[in-house]
Amino acid sequence: MQKLNKLATALVLAAAVSAPALAAPETYVLDSTHTFPRFSYSHFGFSTQLSRFDKTSGTVTFDKATKTAAVDIVIDTKSVNTGYTTFNEHIQGEDFLDTAKYPTATFKSTKVVFQGDNPVSIDGNLTLKGVTKPVTLTVTSFKAMPHPMLKKAAIGANAWTVIKRSEFNAGKYAPNVGDEVRIDIAIEAIKE
């Protein structure tokens, strides 16, 4: 009986040592110097105008083993950058972003879809100008690896979606100025 107990104990220990460690979700903090949401829209059909937000913060939680993730992004809407100071002020006005009343926009994921080891789409809620709507971001690139300069685990991705600004109470001049706005976001995040 004693030999059987020793054998059982040895088998349990061997199984514990040889079993792969379960990975836990890891939290990554957005690198604000490499994370920029951009938006583009038709300007009277003459051109597609491109602008961006210069200040973004947030986190990404990523678990490669279970193929799960969560994204939480906060955009400082007062940091809108059209390339022209007067137009920045115009877009911050009540007819568009109304940054005096709504200084931030947020995106919070509800589901991240993986294909293999990589996320391919992110469902979530976009809140802009006090209005929350579901959107799906299409992920066009994703990379997880040690950052070559910081020597820490890092992730990066590019994703996009299209919204109608009129659905967020920002539809002035539509349809002459395009109601559809494409949002592209490039993010880089460093493990905490």
N, C-alpha and C. Protein backbone atom coordinates (compact mmCIF):
# COMPACT_ATOMS: atom_id res chain seq x y z
N MET A 1 0.82 -1.19 0.00
CA MET A 1 0.00 0.00 0.00
C MET A 1 0.87 1.26 0.00
N GLN A 2 1.96 1.20 0.78
CA GLN A 2 2.84 2.35 0.87
C GLN A 2 3.49 2.61 -0.49
N LYS A 3 3.86 1.53 -1.21
CA LYS A 3 4.46 1.69 -2.53
C LYS A 3 3.44 2.30 -3.51
N LEU A 4 2.19 1.91 -3.37
CA LEU A 4 1.13 2.44 -4.23
C LEU A 4 0.93 3.94 -3.99
N ASN A 5 0.96 4.34 -2.72
CA ASN A 5 0.82 5.76 -2.39
C ASN A 5 1.99 6.57 -2.93
N LYS A 6 3.22 6.01 -2.81
CA LYS A 6 4.40 6.71 -3.33
C LYS A 6 4.32 6.83 -4.85
N LEU A 7 3.86 5.76 -5.50
CA LEU A 7 3.71 5.78 -6.95
C LEU A 7 2.68 6.82 -7.38
N ALA A 8 1.53 6.86 -6.69
CA ALA A 8 0.47 7.83 -7.01
C ALA A 8 0.98 9.24 -6.80
N THR A 9 1.70 9.49 -5.71
CA THR A 9 2.27 10.83 -5.45
C THR A 9 3.26 11.21 -6.53
N ALA A 10 4.09 10.28 -6.93
CA ALA A 10 5.09 10.55 -7.98
C ALA A 10 4.40 10.88 -9.31
N LEU A 11 3.34 10.14 -9.64
CA LEU A 11 2.60 10.41 -10.88
C LEU A 11 1.95 11.79 -10.86
N VAL A 12 1.36 12.16 -9.73
CA VAL A 12 0.73 13.49 -9.61
C VAL A 12 1.77 14.58 -9.76
N LEU A 13 2.91 14.43 -9.09
CA LEU A 13 3.98 15.43 -9.20
C LEU A 13 4.52 15.52 -10.63
N ALA A 14 4.70 14.37 -11.27
CA ALA A 14 5.21 14.36 -12.65
C ALA A 14 4.23 15.05 -13.58
N ALA A 15 2.93 14.81 -13.37
CA ALA A 15 1.92 15.45 -14.21
C ALA A 15 1.91 16.95 -13.99
N ALA A 16 2.07 17.36 -12.74
CA ALA A 16 2.06 18.79 -12.43
C ALA A 16 3.26 19.49 -13.05
N VAL A 17 4.43 18.84 -13.00
CA VAL A 17 5.64 19.44 -13.54
C VAL A 17 5.59 19.49 -15.06
N SER A 18 5.06 18.46 -15.69
CA SER A 18 5.06 18.41 -17.15
C SER A 18 3.90 19.16 -17.78
N ALA A 19 2.86 19.52 -17.02
CA ALA A 19 1.71 20.25 -17.58
C ALA A 19 2.13 21.67 -17.90
N PRO A 20 1.69 22.20 -19.03
CA PRO A 20 2.05 23.58 -19.35
C PRO A 20 1.38 24.53 -18.37
N ALA A 21 2.11 25.58 -18.05
CA ALA A 21 1.55 26.59 -17.15
C ALA A 21 0.41 27.31 -17.85
N LEU A 22 -0.65 27.54 -17.11
CA LEU A 22 -1.78 28.26 -17.69
C LEU A 22 -1.45 29.74 -17.75
N ALA A 23 -1.58 30.30 -18.92
CA ALA A 23 -1.31 31.73 -19.09
C ALA A 23 -2.48 32.53 -18.57
N ALA A 24 -2.17 33.66 -18.03
CA ALA A 24 -3.21 34.56 -17.54
C ALA A 24 -3.32 35.73 -18.51
N PRO A 25 -4.46 36.38 -18.55
CA PRO A 25 -4.57 37.57 -19.40
C PRO A 25 -3.52 38.60 -19.00
N GLU A 26 -2.95 39.25 -19.99
CA GLU A 26 -1.95 40.29 -19.74
C GLU A 26 -2.53 41.64 -20.16
N THR A 27 -2.24 42.66 -19.37
CA THR A 27 -2.73 44.00 -19.66
C THR A 27 -1.63 44.83 -20.30
N TYR A 28 -1.98 45.47 -21.40
CA TYR A 28 -1.07 46.35 -22.13
C TYR A 28 -1.62 47.77 -22.09
N VAL A 29 -0.75 48.74 -21.84
CA VAL A 29 -1.16 50.14 -21.79
C VAL A 29 -0.82 50.79 -23.13
N LEU A 30 -1.79 51.53 -23.69
CA LEU A 30 -1.56 52.17 -24.98
C LEU A 30 -0.39 53.14 -24.91
N ASP A 31 0.44 53.09 -25.91
CA ASP A 31 1.55 54.03 -26.07
C ASP A 31 0.98 55.24 -26.80
N SER A 32 0.82 56.33 -26.08
CA SER A 32 0.16 57.51 -26.65
C SER A 32 0.99 58.17 -27.75
N THR A 33 2.27 57.83 -27.85
CA THR A 33 3.09 58.41 -28.91
C THR A 33 3.02 57.60 -30.21
N HIS A 34 2.32 56.45 -30.16
CA HIS A 34 2.17 55.62 -31.36
C HIS A 34 0.74 55.12 -31.53
N THR A 35 -0.22 55.79 -30.91
CA THR A 35 -1.62 55.41 -31.02
C THR A 35 -2.42 56.63 -31.47
N PHE A 36 -2.92 56.57 -32.70
CA PHE A 36 -3.63 57.72 -33.25
C PHE A 36 -4.87 57.28 -34.03
N PRO A 37 -6.05 57.63 -33.52
CA PRO A 37 -7.27 57.43 -34.31
C PRO A 37 -7.33 58.52 -35.38
N ARG A 38 -7.61 58.11 -36.60
CA ARG A 38 -7.77 59.05 -37.72
C ARG A 38 -9.19 58.91 -38.26
N PHE A 39 -9.67 59.98 -38.86
CA PHE A 39 -10.99 59.90 -39.49
C PHE A 39 -10.94 60.59 -40.84
N SER A 40 -11.75 60.08 -41.76
CA SER A 40 -11.78 60.64 -43.12
C SER A 40 -13.22 60.68 -43.61
N TYR A 41 -13.50 61.67 -44.47
CA TYR A 41 -14.86 61.88 -44.98
C TYR A 41 -14.77 62.67 -46.29
N SER A 42 -15.83 62.59 -47.06
CA SER A 42 -15.89 63.32 -48.33
C SER A 42 -16.21 64.79 -48.06
N HIS A 43 -15.45 65.68 -48.66
CA HIS A 43 -15.68 67.12 -48.54
C HIS A 43 -16.24 67.64 -49.86
N PHE A 44 -17.60 67.68 -49.93
CA PHE A 44 -18.33 68.13 -51.12
C PHE A 44 -17.99 67.30 -52.36
N GLY A 45 -17.42 66.14 -52.18
CA GLY A 45 -17.03 65.31 -53.30
C GLY A 45 -15.72 65.74 -53.95
N PHE A 46 -15.17 66.86 -53.48
CA PHE A 46 -13.90 67.34 -54.05
C PHE A 46 -12.72 66.46 -53.62
N SER A 47 -12.74 66.05 -52.35
CA SER A 47 -11.60 65.31 -51.80
C SER A 47 -12.05 64.53 -50.58
N THR A 48 -11.19 63.62 -50.18
CA THR A 48 -11.39 62.93 -48.91
C THR A 48 -10.47 63.59 -47.90
N GLN A 49 -11.06 64.21 -46.90
CA GLN A 49 -10.29 64.90 -45.88
C GLN A 49 -9.84 63.92 -44.81
N LEU A 50 -8.61 64.09 -44.34
CA LEU A 50 -8.03 63.22 -43.32
C LEU A 50 -7.66 64.06 -42.10
N SER A 51 -8.07 63.61 -40.94
CA SER A 51 -7.73 64.29 -39.68
C SER A 51 -7.45 63.22 -38.64
N ARG A 52 -6.95 63.65 -37.48
CA ARG A 52 -6.66 62.68 -36.43
C ARG A 52 -6.85 63.31 -35.06
N PHE A 53 -6.79 62.45 -34.05
CA PHE A 53 -6.77 62.89 -32.66
C PHE A 53 -5.37 62.63 -32.12
N ASP A 54 -4.80 63.62 -31.45
CA ASP A 54 -3.41 63.52 -31.00
C ASP A 54 -3.24 62.90 -29.61
N LYS A 55 -4.33 62.78 -28.84
CA LYS A 55 -4.22 62.24 -27.48
C LYS A 55 -5.21 61.10 -27.28
N THR A 56 -4.67 59.93 -27.03
CA THR A 56 -5.47 58.73 -26.82
C THR A 56 -4.85 57.93 -25.68
N SER A 57 -5.70 57.34 -24.85
CA SER A 57 -5.21 56.49 -23.76
C SER A 57 -6.08 55.24 -23.69
N GLY A 58 -5.64 54.28 -22.88
CA GLY A 58 -6.45 53.08 -22.71
C GLY A 58 -5.61 51.84 -22.50
N THR A 59 -6.31 50.70 -22.52
CA THR A 59 -5.66 49.42 -22.28
C THR A 59 -6.20 48.36 -23.24
N VAL A 60 -5.38 47.34 -23.42
CA VAL A 60 -5.78 46.13 -24.14
C VAL A 60 -5.42 44.97 -23.22
N THR A 61 -6.38 44.11 -22.97
CA THR A 61 -6.11 42.88 -22.22
C THR A 61 -6.09 41.75 -23.24
N PHE A 62 -5.03 40.94 -23.19
CA PHE A 62 -4.81 39.93 -24.23
C PHE A 62 -4.37 38.63 -23.59
N ASP A 63 -5.03 37.55 -23.97
CA ASP A 63 -4.66 36.22 -23.50
C ASP A 63 -4.49 35.32 -24.72
N LYS A 64 -3.25 35.13 -25.13
CA LYS A 64 -2.96 34.35 -26.33
C LYS A 64 -3.42 32.90 -26.20
N ALA A 65 -3.28 32.33 -25.00
CA ALA A 65 -3.61 30.92 -24.79
C ALA A 65 -5.10 30.65 -24.99
N THR A 66 -5.94 31.53 -24.48
CA THR A 66 -7.39 31.32 -24.59
C THR A 66 -8.01 32.07 -25.76
N LYS A 67 -7.17 32.80 -26.49
CA LYS A 67 -7.64 33.60 -27.63
C LYS A 67 -8.80 34.52 -27.22
N THR A 68 -8.52 35.30 -26.18
CA THR A 68 -9.48 36.30 -25.72
C THR A 68 -8.77 37.63 -25.58
N ALA A 69 -9.54 38.70 -25.68
CA ALA A 69 -8.98 40.04 -25.54
C ALA A 69 -10.10 41.02 -25.19
N ALA A 70 -9.69 42.17 -24.70
CA ALA A 70 -10.62 43.27 -24.42
C ALA A 70 -9.90 44.57 -24.71
N VAL A 71 -10.63 45.53 -25.25
CA VAL A 71 -10.06 46.82 -25.64
C VAL A 71 -10.87 47.92 -24.97
N ASP A 72 -10.17 48.89 -24.40
CA ASP A 72 -10.80 50.03 -23.74
C ASP A 72 -10.00 51.27 -24.13
N ILE A 73 -10.59 52.14 -24.96
CA ILE A 73 -9.88 53.30 -25.50
C ILE A 73 -10.63 54.58 -25.15
N VAL A 74 -9.86 55.60 -24.76
CA VAL A 74 -10.41 56.93 -24.49
C VAL A 74 -9.69 57.93 -25.40
N ILE A 75 -10.47 58.66 -26.18
CA ILE A 75 -9.93 59.65 -27.11
C ILE A 75 -10.25 61.04 -26.58
N ASP A 76 -9.23 61.87 -26.47
CA ASP A 76 -9.41 63.27 -26.09
C ASP A 76 -9.87 64.02 -27.34
N THR A 77 -11.17 64.34 -27.41
CA THR A 77 -11.70 64.97 -28.63
C THR A 77 -11.21 66.40 -28.81
N LYS A 78 -10.71 67.02 -27.73
CA LYS A 78 -10.13 68.36 -27.85
C LYS A 78 -8.79 68.33 -28.57
N SER A 79 -8.24 67.13 -28.75
CA SER A 79 -6.95 67.00 -29.42
C SER A 79 -7.11 66.79 -30.93
N VAL A 80 -8.30 67.06 -31.47
CA VAL A 80 -8.53 66.89 -32.90
C VAL A 80 -7.52 67.74 -33.68
N ASN A 81 -6.97 67.16 -34.73
CA ASN A 81 -5.94 67.84 -35.51
C ASN A 81 -6.27 67.69 -36.99
N THR A 82 -6.77 68.77 -37.57
CA THR A 82 -7.10 68.79 -38.99
C THR A 82 -5.96 69.36 -39.82
N GLY A 83 -4.96 69.91 -39.12
CA GLY A 83 -3.87 70.58 -39.82
C GLY A 83 -4.09 72.08 -39.92
N TYR A 84 -5.22 72.57 -39.39
CA TYR A 84 -5.57 73.99 -39.51
C TYR A 84 -6.29 74.40 -38.22
N THR A 85 -5.71 75.31 -37.45
CA THR A 85 -6.21 75.69 -36.14
C THR A 85 -7.66 76.15 -36.17
N THR A 86 -8.03 76.98 -37.12
CA THR A 86 -9.41 77.48 -37.20
C THR A 86 -10.39 76.33 -37.42
N PHE A 87 -10.02 75.37 -38.25
CA PHE A 87 -10.90 74.23 -38.52
C PHE A 87 -10.96 73.29 -37.31
N ASN A 88 -9.85 73.17 -36.57
CA ASN A 88 -9.89 72.39 -35.33
C ASN A 88 -10.97 72.95 -34.40
N GLU A 89 -10.99 74.27 -34.26
CA GLU A 89 -11.98 74.93 -33.40
C GLU A 89 -13.40 74.71 -33.94
N HIS A 90 -13.55 74.75 -35.26
CA HIS A 90 -14.86 74.54 -35.89
C HIS A 90 -15.39 73.13 -35.58
N ILE A 91 -14.54 72.13 -35.72
CA ILE A 91 -14.95 70.74 -35.47
C ILE A 91 -15.24 70.51 -33.99
N GLN A 92 -14.58 71.27 -33.11
CA GLN A 92 -14.84 71.13 -31.68
C GLN A 92 -16.15 71.79 -31.25
N GLY A 93 -16.79 72.54 -32.14
CA GLY A 93 -18.02 73.26 -31.81
C GLY A 93 -19.23 72.35 -31.64
N GLU A 94 -20.34 72.94 -31.21
CA GLU A 94 -21.58 72.21 -30.92
C GLU A 94 -22.11 71.40 -32.10
N ASP A 95 -21.93 71.89 -33.32
CA ASP A 95 -22.48 71.20 -34.49
C ASP A 95 -21.77 69.88 -34.79
N PHE A 96 -20.55 69.73 -34.28
CA PHE A 96 -19.80 68.53 -34.58
C PHE A 96 -19.45 67.78 -33.28
N LEU A 97 -18.25 67.94 -32.73
CA LEU A 97 -17.85 67.15 -31.56
C LEU A 97 -18.34 67.72 -30.23
N ASP A 98 -18.64 69.02 -30.17
CA ASP A 98 -19.09 69.67 -28.93
C ASP A 98 -18.19 69.28 -27.76
N THR A 99 -16.88 69.59 -27.93
CA THR A 99 -15.89 69.17 -26.94
C THR A 99 -16.03 69.87 -25.60
N ALA A 100 -16.70 71.02 -25.55
CA ALA A 100 -16.92 71.68 -24.26
C ALA A 100 -17.81 70.80 -23.38
N LYS A 101 -18.77 70.14 -23.98
CA LYS A 101 -19.69 69.28 -23.24
C LYS A 101 -19.24 67.82 -23.22
N TYR A 102 -18.59 67.38 -24.28
CA TYR A 102 -18.17 65.98 -24.43
C TYR A 102 -16.67 65.94 -24.77
N PRO A 103 -15.80 66.08 -23.78
CA PRO A 103 -14.36 66.17 -24.06
C PRO A 103 -13.69 64.85 -24.43
N THR A 104 -14.43 63.74 -24.32
CA THR A 104 -13.83 62.46 -24.70
C THR A 104 -14.82 61.63 -25.52
N ALA A 105 -14.25 60.74 -26.29
CA ALA A 105 -15.00 59.68 -26.97
C ALA A 105 -14.40 58.38 -26.47
N THR A 106 -15.22 57.32 -26.39
CA THR A 106 -14.70 56.05 -25.88
C THR A 106 -15.10 54.89 -26.78
N PHE A 107 -14.28 53.86 -26.75
CA PHE A 107 -14.62 52.59 -27.38
C PHE A 107 -14.33 51.50 -26.37
N LYS A 108 -15.34 50.67 -26.09
CA LYS A 108 -15.19 49.54 -25.17
C LYS A 108 -15.64 48.28 -25.91
N SER A 109 -14.75 47.33 -26.01
CA SER A 109 -15.07 46.09 -26.73
C SER A 109 -16.07 45.25 -25.97
N THR A 110 -16.87 44.50 -26.73
CA THR A 110 -17.79 43.53 -26.15
C THR A 110 -17.43 42.11 -26.60
N LYS A 111 -16.67 42.01 -27.71
CA LYS A 111 -16.28 40.69 -28.24
C LYS A 111 -15.11 40.89 -29.20
N VAL A 112 -14.13 40.02 -29.09
CA VAL A 112 -13.01 40.03 -30.02
C VAL A 112 -12.99 38.66 -30.70
N VAL A 113 -13.01 38.68 -32.03
CA VAL A 113 -13.04 37.45 -32.82
C VAL A 113 -11.62 37.15 -33.31
N PHE A 114 -11.17 35.92 -33.07
CA PHE A 114 -9.83 35.50 -33.48
C PHE A 114 -9.92 34.55 -34.67
N GLN A 115 -8.88 34.60 -35.49
CA GLN A 115 -8.67 33.61 -36.55
C GLN A 115 -7.25 33.11 -36.31
N GLY A 116 -7.13 31.88 -35.87
CA GLY A 116 -5.82 31.41 -35.44
C GLY A 116 -5.42 32.15 -34.18
N ASP A 117 -4.20 32.69 -34.16
CA ASP A 117 -3.71 33.42 -32.99
C ASP A 117 -3.98 34.91 -33.04
N ASN A 118 -4.58 35.39 -34.13
CA ASN A 118 -4.73 36.84 -34.31
C ASN A 118 -6.18 37.30 -34.27
N PRO A 119 -6.42 38.45 -33.65
CA PRO A 119 -7.77 39.03 -33.71
C PRO A 119 -8.05 39.53 -35.12
N VAL A 120 -9.27 39.32 -35.61
CA VAL A 120 -9.64 39.79 -36.95
C VAL A 120 -10.77 40.82 -36.91
N SER A 121 -11.54 40.84 -35.82
CA SER A 121 -12.57 41.87 -35.67
C SER A 121 -12.85 42.10 -34.20
N ILE A 122 -13.30 43.31 -33.91
CA ILE A 122 -13.59 43.70 -32.53
C ILE A 122 -14.95 44.37 -32.51
N ASP A 123 -15.92 43.75 -31.85
CA ASP A 123 -17.22 44.37 -31.64
C ASP A 123 -17.14 45.19 -30.37
N GLY A 124 -17.84 46.32 -30.37
CA GLY A 124 -17.82 47.13 -29.16
C GLY A 124 -18.77 48.30 -29.26
N ASN A 125 -18.75 49.13 -28.24
CA ASN A 125 -19.60 50.31 -28.17
C ASN A 125 -18.76 51.56 -28.29
N LEU A 126 -19.11 52.38 -29.28
CA LEU A 126 -18.47 53.68 -29.47
C LEU A 126 -19.38 54.74 -28.88
N THR A 127 -18.84 55.54 -27.99
CA THR A 127 -19.58 56.66 -27.42
C THR A 127 -18.95 57.94 -27.91
N LEU A 128 -19.74 58.73 -28.61
CA LEU A 128 -19.28 59.98 -29.20
C LEU A 128 -20.38 61.01 -29.02
N LYS A 129 -20.03 62.14 -28.47
CA LYS A 129 -20.98 63.23 -28.26
C LYS A 129 -22.19 62.76 -27.45
N GLY A 130 -21.93 61.90 -26.47
CA GLY A 130 -22.98 61.43 -25.56
C GLY A 130 -23.87 60.34 -26.12
N VAL A 131 -23.59 59.88 -27.33
CA VAL A 131 -24.40 58.83 -27.97
C VAL A 131 -23.56 57.57 -28.07
N THR A 132 -24.13 56.43 -27.67
CA THR A 132 -23.42 55.15 -27.73
C THR A 132 -24.08 54.27 -28.79
N LYS A 133 -23.25 53.76 -29.71
CA LYS A 133 -23.71 52.87 -30.77
C LYS A 133 -22.74 51.69 -30.90
N PRO A 134 -23.28 50.51 -31.26
CA PRO A 134 -22.38 49.37 -31.51
C PRO A 134 -21.65 49.55 -32.84
N VAL A 135 -20.39 49.21 -32.86
CA VAL A 135 -19.59 49.23 -34.09
C VAL A 135 -18.72 47.99 -34.12
N THR A 136 -18.26 47.63 -35.31
CA THR A 136 -17.31 46.53 -35.47
C THR A 136 -16.06 47.07 -36.13
N LEU A 137 -14.93 46.88 -35.48
CA LEU A 137 -13.64 47.24 -36.06
C LEU A 137 -13.09 46.03 -36.80
N THR A 138 -12.65 46.25 -38.02
CA THR A 138 -11.98 45.21 -38.79
C THR A 138 -10.48 45.35 -38.56
N VAL A 139 -9.86 44.31 -38.05
CA VAL A 139 -8.43 44.35 -37.76
C VAL A 139 -7.67 43.94 -39.03
N THR A 140 -6.80 44.83 -39.50
CA THR A 140 -6.06 44.55 -40.74
C THR A 140 -4.64 44.06 -40.48
N SER A 141 -4.13 44.31 -39.27
CA SER A 141 -2.81 43.78 -38.91
C SER A 141 -2.73 43.66 -37.39
N PHE A 142 -1.94 42.71 -36.93
CA PHE A 142 -1.74 42.50 -35.50
C PHE A 142 -0.39 41.86 -35.28
N LYS A 143 0.31 42.31 -34.26
CA LYS A 143 1.62 41.74 -33.94
C LYS A 143 1.81 41.76 -32.43
N ALA A 144 2.29 40.65 -31.88
CA ALA A 144 2.65 40.54 -30.47
C ALA A 144 4.08 40.02 -30.40
N MET A 145 4.96 40.81 -29.78
CA MET A 145 6.36 40.42 -29.67
C MET A 145 7.06 41.33 -28.67
N PRO A 146 8.26 40.99 -28.26
CA PRO A 146 9.01 41.91 -27.40
C PRO A 146 9.35 43.19 -28.18
N HIS A 147 9.16 44.33 -27.52
CA HIS A 147 9.51 45.61 -28.16
C HIS A 147 11.03 45.68 -28.27
N PRO A 148 11.57 45.91 -29.48
CA PRO A 148 13.03 45.85 -29.66
C PRO A 148 13.79 46.92 -28.88
N MET A 149 13.17 48.06 -28.58
CA MET A 149 13.88 49.11 -27.86
C MET A 149 13.57 49.10 -26.36
N LEU A 150 12.30 48.85 -26.01
CA LEU A 150 11.90 48.90 -24.60
C LEU A 150 12.18 47.59 -23.86
N LYS A 151 12.41 46.51 -24.63
CA LYS A 151 12.69 45.18 -24.04
C LYS A 151 11.54 44.73 -23.14
N LYS A 152 10.31 45.04 -23.54
CA LYS A 152 9.11 44.60 -22.84
C LYS A 152 8.16 44.00 -23.86
N ALA A 153 7.24 43.15 -23.39
CA ALA A 153 6.23 42.59 -24.28
C ALA A 153 5.38 43.74 -24.83
N ALA A 154 5.05 43.66 -26.11
CA ALA A 154 4.27 44.72 -26.75
C ALA A 154 3.33 44.11 -27.79
N ILE A 155 2.28 44.84 -28.08
CA ILE A 155 1.37 44.47 -29.16
C ILE A 155 1.08 45.70 -30.00
N GLY A 156 0.69 45.45 -31.24
CA GLY A 156 0.33 46.55 -32.13
C GLY A 156 -0.72 46.06 -33.11
N ALA A 157 -1.55 46.98 -33.56
CA ALA A 157 -2.60 46.61 -34.50
C ALA A 157 -3.07 47.83 -35.28
N ASN A 158 -3.69 47.54 -36.40
CA ASN A 158 -4.42 48.54 -37.18
C ASN A 158 -5.82 48.01 -37.39
N ALA A 159 -6.81 48.91 -37.28
CA ALA A 159 -8.20 48.51 -37.45
C ALA A 159 -9.00 49.69 -37.99
N TRP A 160 -10.18 49.39 -38.54
CA TRP A 160 -11.02 50.45 -39.09
C TRP A 160 -12.50 50.10 -38.98
N THR A 161 -13.32 51.14 -39.08
CA THR A 161 -14.77 50.98 -39.14
C THR A 161 -15.34 52.21 -39.85
N VAL A 162 -16.61 52.15 -40.20
CA VAL A 162 -17.31 53.29 -40.80
C VAL A 162 -18.54 53.58 -39.96
N ILE A 163 -18.74 54.86 -39.64
CA ILE A 163 -19.92 55.28 -38.89
C ILE A 163 -20.64 56.37 -39.68
N LYS A 164 -21.87 56.66 -39.31
CA LYS A 164 -22.58 57.82 -39.83
C LYS A 164 -22.59 58.88 -38.74
N ARG A 165 -22.02 60.03 -39.05
CA ARG A 165 -21.93 61.06 -38.03
C ARG A 165 -23.29 61.58 -37.62
N SER A 166 -24.28 61.50 -38.50
CA SER A 166 -25.63 61.95 -38.16
C SER A 166 -26.22 61.10 -37.03
N GLU A 167 -25.78 59.85 -36.89
CA GLU A 167 -26.26 58.98 -35.81
C GLU A 167 -25.68 59.38 -34.46
N PHE A 168 -24.68 60.25 -34.48
CA PHE A 168 -24.05 60.73 -33.25
C PHE A 168 -24.32 62.24 -33.06
N ASN A 169 -25.41 62.73 -33.64
CA ASN A 169 -25.80 64.14 -33.52
C ASN A 169 -24.71 65.10 -34.00
N ALA A 170 -24.02 64.71 -35.07
CA ALA A 170 -22.95 65.54 -35.63
C ALA A 170 -23.08 65.62 -37.14
N GLY A 171 -24.31 65.65 -37.65
CA GLY A 171 -24.54 65.53 -39.09
C GLY A 171 -24.67 66.82 -39.87
N LYS A 172 -24.27 67.94 -39.31
CA LYS A 172 -24.40 69.21 -40.03
C LYS A 172 -23.72 69.15 -41.40
N TYR A 173 -24.38 69.74 -42.38
CA TYR A 173 -23.93 69.83 -43.78
C TYR A 173 -24.01 68.52 -44.56
N ALA A 174 -24.52 67.46 -43.94
CA ALA A 174 -24.71 66.21 -44.69
C ALA A 174 -25.89 66.41 -45.63
N PRO A 175 -25.90 65.87 -46.82
CA PRO A 175 -24.90 64.94 -47.37
C PRO A 175 -23.76 65.62 -48.13
N ASN A 176 -23.79 66.97 -48.23
CA ASN A 176 -22.71 67.64 -48.98
C ASN A 176 -21.34 67.33 -48.40
N VAL A 177 -21.25 67.45 -47.09
CA VAL A 177 -20.06 66.94 -46.40
C VAL A 177 -20.47 65.54 -45.95
N GLY A 178 -19.72 64.55 -46.37
CA GLY A 178 -20.12 63.15 -46.20
C GLY A 178 -20.61 62.79 -44.81
N ASP A 179 -21.74 62.09 -44.77
CA ASP A 179 -22.26 61.59 -43.50
C ASP A 179 -21.45 60.39 -43.04
N GLU A 180 -20.98 59.58 -43.98
CA GLU A 180 -20.16 58.42 -43.62
C GLU A 180 -18.74 58.88 -43.30
N VAL A 181 -18.27 58.43 -42.15
CA VAL A 181 -16.91 58.76 -41.71
C VAL A 181 -16.18 57.45 -41.45
N ARG A 182 -15.04 57.32 -42.08
CA ARG A 182 -14.21 56.15 -41.83
C ARG A 182 -13.26 56.48 -40.69
N ILE A 183 -13.22 55.60 -39.71
CA ILE A 183 -12.30 55.74 -38.58
C ILE A 183 -11.25 54.65 -38.70
N ASP A 184 -9.99 55.06 -38.72
CA ASP A 184 -8.85 54.13 -38.72
C ASP A 184 -8.08 54.36 -37.44
N ILE A 185 -7.66 53.29 -36.81
CA ILE A 185 -6.85 53.46 -35.61
C ILE A 185 -5.63 52.57 -35.68
N ALA A 186 -4.48 53.18 -35.41
CA ALA A 186 -3.23 52.46 -35.27
C ALA A 186 -2.90 52.49 -33.79
N ILE A 187 -2.69 51.31 -33.19
CA ILE A 187 -2.34 51.29 -31.77
C ILE A 187 -1.08 50.50 -31.54
N GLU A 188 -0.34 50.94 -30.53
CA GLU A 188 0.76 50.17 -29.97
C GLU A 188 0.57 50.21 -28.47
N ALA A 189 0.83 49.10 -27.81
CA ALA A 189 0.63 49.02 -26.36
C ALA A 189 1.73 48.18 -25.74
N ILE A 190 2.14 48.58 -24.54
CA ILE A 190 3.24 47.95 -23.83
C ILE A 190 2.71 47.25 -22.58
N LYS A 191 3.18 46.04 -22.33
CA LYS A 191 2.73 45.28 -21.16
C LYS A 191 3.08 46.02 -19.88
N GLU A 192 2.10 46.05 -18.96
CA GLU A 192 2.30 46.72 -17.66
C GLU A 192 3.40 46.04 -16.89
